[in-house]
């Protein structure tokens, strides 16, 4: 387990050892998943230009009417 602190503006630094182990590079997106015990950080898998959304996140998107 590795403990980190929040900065005064709400940021955390993911330690270099963790970034290297999980191949997290500068500018990559990380998912923050709420759990009963806290928050899980998960690396967003790179896809070929597409993003994958779960049903729960799709339900929050505004509906688009065809023109």
PDB file of N, CA and C in Angstrom:
ATOM      1  N   UNK A   1       0.850  -1.168   0.000  1.00  0.00           N
ATOM      2  CA  UNK A   1       0.000   0.000   0.000  1.00  0.00           C
ATOM      3  C   UNK A   1       0.899   1.236   0.000  1.00  0.00           C
ATOM      4  N   UNK A   2       0.520   2.227  -0.795  1.00  0.00           N
ATOM      5  CA  UNK A   2       1.257   3.484  -0.871  1.00  0.00           C
ATOM      6  C   UNK A   2       0.310   4.603  -0.484  1.00  0.00           C
ATOM      7  N   UNK A   3       0.767   5.473   0.392  1.00  0.00           N
ATOM      8  CA  UNK A   3      -0.061   6.582   0.858  1.00  0.00           C
ATOM      9  C   UNK A   3       0.402   7.865   0.180  1.00  0.00           C
ATOM     10  N   UNK A   4      -0.554   8.652  -0.328  1.00  0.00           N
ATOM     11  CA  UNK A   4      -0.249   9.939  -0.949  1.00  0.00           C
ATOM     12  C   UNK A   4      -1.114  11.009  -0.294  1.00  0.00           C
ATOM     13  N   UNK A   5      -0.734  12.279  -0.492  1.00  0.00           N
ATOM     14  CA  UNK A   5      -1.494  13.395   0.068  1.00  0.00           C
ATOM     15  C   UNK A   5      -2.066  14.239  -1.059  1.00  0.00           C
ATOM     16  N   UNK A   6      -3.216  14.872  -0.775  1.00  0.00           N
ATOM     17  CA  UNK A   6      -3.795  15.834  -1.701  1.00  0.00           C
ATOM     18  C   UNK A   6      -3.075  17.164  -1.542  1.00  0.00           C
ATOM     19  N   UNK A   7      -2.870  17.866  -2.656  1.00  0.00           N
ATOM     20  CA  UNK A   7      -2.314  19.216  -2.584  1.00  0.00           C
ATOM     21  C   UNK A   7      -3.430  20.180  -2.195  1.00  0.00           C
ATOM     22  N   UNK A   8      -3.072  21.435  -1.983  1.00  0.00           N
ATOM     23  CA  UNK A   8      -4.071  22.437  -1.587  1.00  0.00           C
ATOM     24  C   UNK A   8      -5.127  22.653  -2.666  1.00  0.00           C
ATOM     25  N   UNK A   9      -4.815  22.327  -3.926  1.00  0.00           N
ATOM     26  CA  UNK A   9      -5.816  22.478  -4.990  1.00  0.00           C
ATOM     27  C   UNK A   9      -6.436  21.139  -5.403  1.00  0.00           C
ATOM     28  N   UNK A  10      -6.341  20.121  -4.533  1.00  0.00           N
ATOM     29  CA  UNK A  10      -7.052  18.862  -4.747  1.00  0.00           C
ATOM     30  C   UNK A  10      -6.368  17.855  -5.652  1.00  0.00           C
ATOM     31  N   UNK A  11      -5.095  18.036  -5.948  1.00  0.00           N
ATOM     32  CA  UNK A  11      -4.387  17.105  -6.826  1.00  0.00           C
ATOM     33  C   UNK A  11      -3.593  16.092  -6.005  1.00  0.00           C
ATOM     34  N   UNK A  12      -3.393  14.915  -6.601  1.00  0.00           N
ATOM     35  CA  UNK A  12      -2.495  13.924  -6.013  1.00  0.00           C
ATOM     36  C   UNK A  12      -1.457  13.552  -7.061  1.00  0.00           C
ATOM     37  N   UNK A  13      -0.316  13.070  -6.592  1.00  0.00           N
ATOM     38  CA  UNK A  13       0.719  12.583  -7.497  1.00  0.00           C
ATOM     39  C   UNK A  13       0.734  11.066  -7.394  1.00  0.00           C
ATOM     40  N   UNK A  14       0.597  10.409  -8.546  1.00  0.00           N
ATOM     41  CA  UNK A  14       0.719   8.952  -8.573  1.00  0.00           C
ATOM     42  C   UNK A  14       2.218   8.655  -8.607  1.00  0.00           C
ATOM     43  N   UNK A  15       2.726   7.936  -7.622  1.00  0.00           N
ATOM     44  CA  UNK A  15       4.165   7.692  -7.545  1.00  0.00           C
ATOM     45  C   UNK A  15       4.728   7.057  -8.819  1.00  0.00           C
ATOM     46  N   UNK A  16       5.980   7.419  -9.121  1.00  0.00           N
ATOM     47  CA  UNK A  16       6.647   6.956 -10.335  1.00  0.00           C
ATOM     48  C   UNK A  16       6.622   5.433 -10.453  1.00  0.00           C
ATOM     49  N   UNK A  17       6.869   4.735  -9.357  1.00  0.00           N
ATOM     50  CA  UNK A  17       6.884   3.270  -9.381  1.00  0.00           C
ATOM     51  C   UNK A  17       5.541   2.715  -9.855  1.00  0.00           C
ATOM     52  N   UNK A  18       4.443   3.312  -9.409  1.00  0.00           N
ATOM     53  CA  UNK A  18       3.103   2.874  -9.822  1.00  0.00           C
ATOM     54  C   UNK A  18       2.868   3.217 -11.290  1.00  0.00           C
ATOM     55  N   UNK A  19       3.239   4.447 -11.698  1.00  0.00           N
ATOM     56  CA  UNK A  19       3.058   4.854 -13.105  1.00  0.00           C
ATOM     57  C   UNK A  19       3.824   3.930 -14.040  1.00  0.00           C
ATOM     58  N   UNK A  20       5.050   3.581 -13.662  1.00  0.00           N
ATOM     59  CA  UNK A  20       5.850   2.693 -14.512  1.00  0.00           C
ATOM     60  C   UNK A  20       5.279   1.275 -14.538  1.00  0.00           C
ATOM     61  N   UNK A  21       4.874   0.767 -13.397  1.00  0.00           N
ATOM     62  CA  UNK A  21       4.327  -0.592 -13.318  1.00  0.00           C
ATOM     63  C   UNK A  21       3.080  -0.740 -14.173  1.00  0.00           C
ATOM     64  N   UNK A  22       2.213   0.282 -14.149  1.00  0.00           N
ATOM     65  CA  UNK A  22       0.932   0.199 -14.856  1.00  0.00           C
ATOM     66  C   UNK A  22       0.929   0.979 -16.172  1.00  0.00           C
ATOM     67  N   UNK A  23       2.105   1.414 -16.612  1.00  0.00           N
ATOM     68  CA  UNK A  23       2.272   2.091 -17.906  1.00  0.00           C
ATOM     69  C   UNK A  23       1.334   3.292 -18.035  1.00  0.00           C
ATOM     70  N   UNK A  24       1.341   4.154 -17.031  1.00  0.00           N
ATOM     71  CA  UNK A  24       0.534   5.372 -17.045  1.00  0.00           C
ATOM     72  C   UNK A  24       1.451   6.517 -17.447  1.00  0.00           C
ATOM     73  N   UNK A  25       1.163   7.122 -18.585  1.00  0.00           N
ATOM     74  CA  UNK A  25       1.996   8.196 -19.111  1.00  0.00           C
ATOM     75  C   UNK A  25       1.326   9.549 -18.915  1.00  0.00           C
ATOM     76  N   UNK A  26       2.118  10.594 -19.012  1.00  0.00           N
ATOM     77  CA  UNK A  26       1.607  11.958 -18.880  1.00  0.00           C
ATOM     78  C   UNK A  26       0.455  12.191 -19.856  1.00  0.00           C
ATOM     79  N   UNK A  27      -0.614  12.800 -19.375  1.00  0.00           N
ATOM     80  CA  UNK A  27      -1.760  13.124 -20.216  1.00  0.00           C
ATOM     81  C   UNK A  27      -2.795  12.017 -20.331  1.00  0.00           C
ATOM     82  N   UNK A  28      -2.485  10.824 -19.828  1.00  0.00           N
ATOM     83  CA  UNK A  28      -3.467   9.733 -19.891  1.00  0.00           C
ATOM     84  C   UNK A  28      -4.601   9.977 -18.915  1.00  0.00           C
ATOM     85  N   UNK A  29      -5.754   9.434 -19.239  1.00  0.00           N
ATOM     86  CA  UNK A  29      -6.914   9.562 -18.375  1.00  0.00           C
ATOM     87  C   UNK A  29      -6.973   8.383 -17.413  1.00  0.00           C
ATOM     88  N   UNK A  30      -7.441   8.678 -16.204  1.00  0.00           N
ATOM     89  CA  UNK A  30      -7.617   7.674 -15.160  1.00  0.00           C
ATOM     90  C   UNK A  30      -9.069   7.711 -14.723  1.00  0.00           C
ATOM     91  N   UNK A  31      -9.700   6.556 -14.617  1.00  0.00           N
ATOM     92  CA  UNK A  31     -11.066   6.488 -14.103  1.00  0.00           C
ATOM     93  C   UNK A  31     -11.023   6.498 -12.584  1.00  0.00           C
ATOM     94  N   UNK A  32     -11.934   7.232 -11.955  1.00  0.00           N
ATOM     95  CA  UNK A  32     -12.092   7.220 -10.500  1.00  0.00           C
ATOM     96  C   UNK A  32     -13.421   6.539 -10.229  1.00  0.00           C
ATOM     97  N   UNK A  33     -13.371   5.353  -9.640  1.00  0.00           N
ATOM     98  CA  UNK A  33     -14.557   4.527  -9.436  1.00  0.00           C
ATOM     99  C   UNK A  33     -14.873   4.485  -7.943  1.00  0.00           C
ATOM    100  N   UNK A  34     -16.043   5.044  -7.540  1.00  0.00           N
ATOM    101  CA  UNK A  34     -16.408   4.994  -6.124  1.00  0.00           C
ATOM    102  C   UNK A  34     -16.678   3.557  -5.679  1.00  0.00           C
ATOM    103  N   UNK A  35     -16.178   3.193  -4.504  1.00  0.00           N
ATOM    104  CA  UNK A  35     -16.424   1.881  -3.914  1.00  0.00           C
ATOM    105  C   UNK A  35     -16.891   2.077  -2.477  1.00  0.00           C
ATOM    106  N   UNK A  36     -17.324   1.009  -1.843  1.00  0.00           N
ATOM    107  CA  UNK A  36     -17.749   1.114  -0.447  1.00  0.00           C
ATOM    108  C   UNK A  36     -16.609   1.571   0.451  1.00  0.00           C
ATOM    109  N   UNK A  37     -15.391   1.161   0.135  1.00  0.00           N
ATOM    110  CA  UNK A  37     -14.246   1.481   0.979  1.00  0.00           C
ATOM    111  C   UNK A  37     -13.493   2.733   0.593  1.00  0.00           C
ATOM    112  N   UNK A  38     -13.864   3.385  -0.497  1.00  0.00           N
ATOM    113  CA  UNK A  38     -13.145   4.577  -0.945  1.00  0.00           C
ATOM    114  C   UNK A  38     -13.277   4.770  -2.441  1.00  0.00           C
ATOM    115  N   UNK A  39     -12.153   5.027  -3.095  1.00  0.00           N
ATOM    116  CA  UNK A  39     -12.144   5.289  -4.536  1.00  0.00           C
ATOM    117  C   UNK A  39     -11.081   4.409  -5.180  1.00  0.00           C
ATOM    118  N   UNK A  40     -11.450   3.750  -6.274  1.00  0.00           N
ATOM    119  CA  UNK A  40     -10.536   2.919  -7.043  1.00  0.00           C
ATOM    120  C   UNK A  40     -10.086   3.723  -8.253  1.00  0.00           C
ATOM    121  N   UNK A  41      -8.777   3.765  -8.489  1.00  0.00           N
ATOM    122  CA  UNK A  41      -8.246   4.414  -9.689  1.00  0.00           C
ATOM    123  C   UNK A  41      -7.955   3.329 -10.706  1.00  0.00           C
ATOM    124  N   UNK A  42      -8.421   3.529 -11.932  1.00  0.00           N
ATOM    125  CA  UNK A  42      -8.208   2.528 -12.979  1.00  0.00           C
ATOM    126  C   UNK A  42      -7.745   3.233 -14.245  1.00  0.00           C
ATOM    127  N   UNK A  43      -6.712   2.685 -14.834  1.00  0.00           N
ATOM    128  CA  UNK A  43      -6.173   3.222 -16.081  1.00  0.00           C
ATOM    129  C   UNK A  43      -7.193   3.021 -17.188  1.00  0.00           C
ATOM    130  N   UNK A  44      -7.404   4.043 -18.006  1.00  0.00           N
ATOM    131  CA  UNK A  44      -8.299   3.931 -19.155  1.00  0.00           C
ATOM    132  C   UNK A  44      -7.523   3.221 -20.254  1.00  0.00           C
ATOM    133  N   UNK A  45      -8.049   2.104 -20.707  1.00  0.00           N
ATOM    134  CA  UNK A  45      -7.391   1.342 -21.770  1.00  0.00           C
ATOM    135  C   UNK A  45      -7.470   2.120 -23.075  1.00  0.00           C
ATOM    136  N   UNK A  46      -6.362   2.163 -23.774  1.00  0.00           N
ATOM    137  CA  UNK A  46      -6.332   2.855 -25.062  1.00  0.00           C
ATOM    138  C   UNK A  46      -7.093   2.029 -26.087  1.00  0.00           C
ATOM    139  N   UNK A  47      -7.942   2.708 -26.848  1.00  0.00           N
ATOM    140  CA  UNK A  47      -8.677   2.054 -27.928  1.00  0.00           C
ATOM    141  C   UNK A  47      -8.354   2.791 -29.217  1.00  0.00           C
ATOM    142  N   UNK A  48      -8.812   2.293 -30.303  1.00  0.00           N
ATOM    143  CA  UNK A  48      -8.509   2.908 -31.596  1.00  0.00           C
ATOM    144  C   UNK A  48      -9.420   4.106 -31.840  1.00  0.00           C
ATOM    145  N   UNK A  49      -9.262   5.130 -31.023  1.00  0.00           N
ATOM    146  CA  UNK A  49     -10.028   6.352 -31.221  1.00  0.00           C
ATOM    147  C   UNK A  49     -11.436   6.314 -30.672  1.00  0.00           C
ATOM    148  N   UNK A  50     -11.838   5.224 -30.064  1.00  0.00           N
ATOM    149  CA  UNK A  50     -13.187   5.110 -29.523  1.00  0.00           C
ATOM    150  C   UNK A  50     -13.128   5.078 -28.008  1.00  0.00           C
ATOM    151  N   UNK A  51     -14.174   5.598 -27.376  1.00  0.00           N
ATOM    152  CA  UNK A  51     -14.286   5.485 -25.930  1.00  0.00           C
ATOM    153  C   UNK A  51     -15.386   4.493 -25.620  1.00  0.00           C
ATOM    154  N   UNK A  52     -15.194   3.747 -24.577  1.00  0.00           N
ATOM    155  CA  UNK A  52     -16.176   2.760 -24.153  1.00  0.00           C
ATOM    156  C   UNK A  52     -16.910   3.327 -22.947  1.00  0.00           C
ATOM    157  N   UNK A  53     -18.237   3.368 -23.025  1.00  0.00           N
ATOM    158  CA  UNK A  53     -19.053   3.901 -21.945  1.00  0.00           C
ATOM    159  C   UNK A  53     -19.931   2.799 -21.385  1.00  0.00           C
ATOM    160  N   UNK A  54     -20.128   2.823 -20.093  1.00  0.00           N
ATOM    161  CA  UNK A  54     -21.050   1.868 -19.484  1.00  0.00           C
ATOM    162  C   UNK A  54     -22.470   2.375 -19.653  1.00  0.00           C
ATOM    163  N   UNK A  55     -23.441   1.510 -19.430  1.00  0.00           N
ATOM    164  CA  UNK A  55     -24.841   1.918 -19.540  1.00  0.00           C
ATOM    165  C   UNK A  55     -25.155   3.060 -18.589  1.00  0.00           C
ATOM    166  N   UNK A  56     -24.592   3.032 -17.379  1.00  0.00           N
ATOM    167  CA  UNK A  56     -24.894   4.083 -16.407  1.00  0.00           C
ATOM    168  C   UNK A  56     -24.400   5.441 -16.886  1.00  0.00           C
ATOM    169  N   UNK A  57     -23.235   5.504 -17.535  1.00  0.00           N
ATOM    170  CA  UNK A  57     -22.759   6.792 -18.027  1.00  0.00           C
ATOM    171  C   UNK A  57     -23.510   7.210 -19.285  1.00  0.00           C
ATOM    172  N   UNK A  58     -23.951   6.253 -20.089  1.00  0.00           N
ATOM    173  CA  UNK A  58     -24.715   6.588 -21.289  1.00  0.00           C
ATOM    174  C   UNK A  58     -26.052   7.208 -20.917  1.00  0.00           C
ATOM    175  N   UNK A  59     -26.635   6.779 -19.805  1.00  0.00           N
ATOM    176  CA  UNK A  59     -27.943   7.308 -19.429  1.00  0.00           C
ATOM    177  C   UNK A  59     -27.868   8.772 -19.028  1.00  0.00           C
ATOM    178  N   UNK A  60     -26.659   9.284 -18.733  1.00  0.00           N
ATOM    179  CA  UNK A  60     -26.523  10.687 -18.353  1.00  0.00           C
ATOM    180  C   UNK A  60     -26.246  11.590 -19.551  1.00  0.00           C
ATOM    181  N   UNK A  61     -26.033  11.007 -20.720  1.00  0.00           N
ATOM    182  CA  UNK A  61     -25.776  11.803 -21.912  1.00  0.00           C
ATOM    183  C   UNK A  61     -27.082  12.358 -22.464  1.00  0.00           C
ATOM    184  N   UNK A  62     -27.052  13.596 -22.973  1.00  0.00           N
ATOM    185  CA  UNK A  62     -28.280  14.150 -23.543  1.00  0.00           C
ATOM    186  C   UNK A  62     -28.672  13.393 -24.807  1.00  0.00           C
ATOM    187  N   UNK A  63     -29.961  13.278 -25.032  1.00  0.00           N
ATOM    188  CA  UNK A  63     -30.411  12.591 -26.240  1.00  0.00           C
ATOM    189  C   UNK A  63     -30.226  13.515 -27.436  1.00  0.00           C
ATOM    190  N   UNK A  64     -29.885  12.922 -28.549  1.00  0.00           N
ATOM    191  CA  UNK A  64     -29.661  13.683 -29.775  1.00  0.00           C
ATOM    192  C   UNK A  64     -30.727  13.274 -30.769  1.00  0.00           C
ATOM    193  N   UNK A  65     -31.445  14.271 -31.293  1.00  0.00           N
ATOM    194  CA  UNK A  65     -32.478  13.993 -32.288  1.00  0.00           C
ATOM    195  C   UNK A  65     -31.874  14.126 -33.676  1.00  0.00           C
ATOM    196  N   UNK A  66     -32.151  13.174 -34.558  1.00  0.00           N
ATOM    197  CA  UNK A  66     -31.616  13.264 -35.919  1.00  0.00           C
ATOM    198  C   UNK A  66     -32.185  14.482 -36.636  1.00  0.00           C
ATOM    199  N   UNK A  67     -31.355  15.105 -37.456  1.00  0.00           N
ATOM    200  CA  UNK A  67     -31.828  16.300 -38.187  1.00  0.00           C
ATOM    201  C   UNK A  67     -32.374  15.955 -39.545  1.00  0.00           C
TER     202      UNK A  67
END
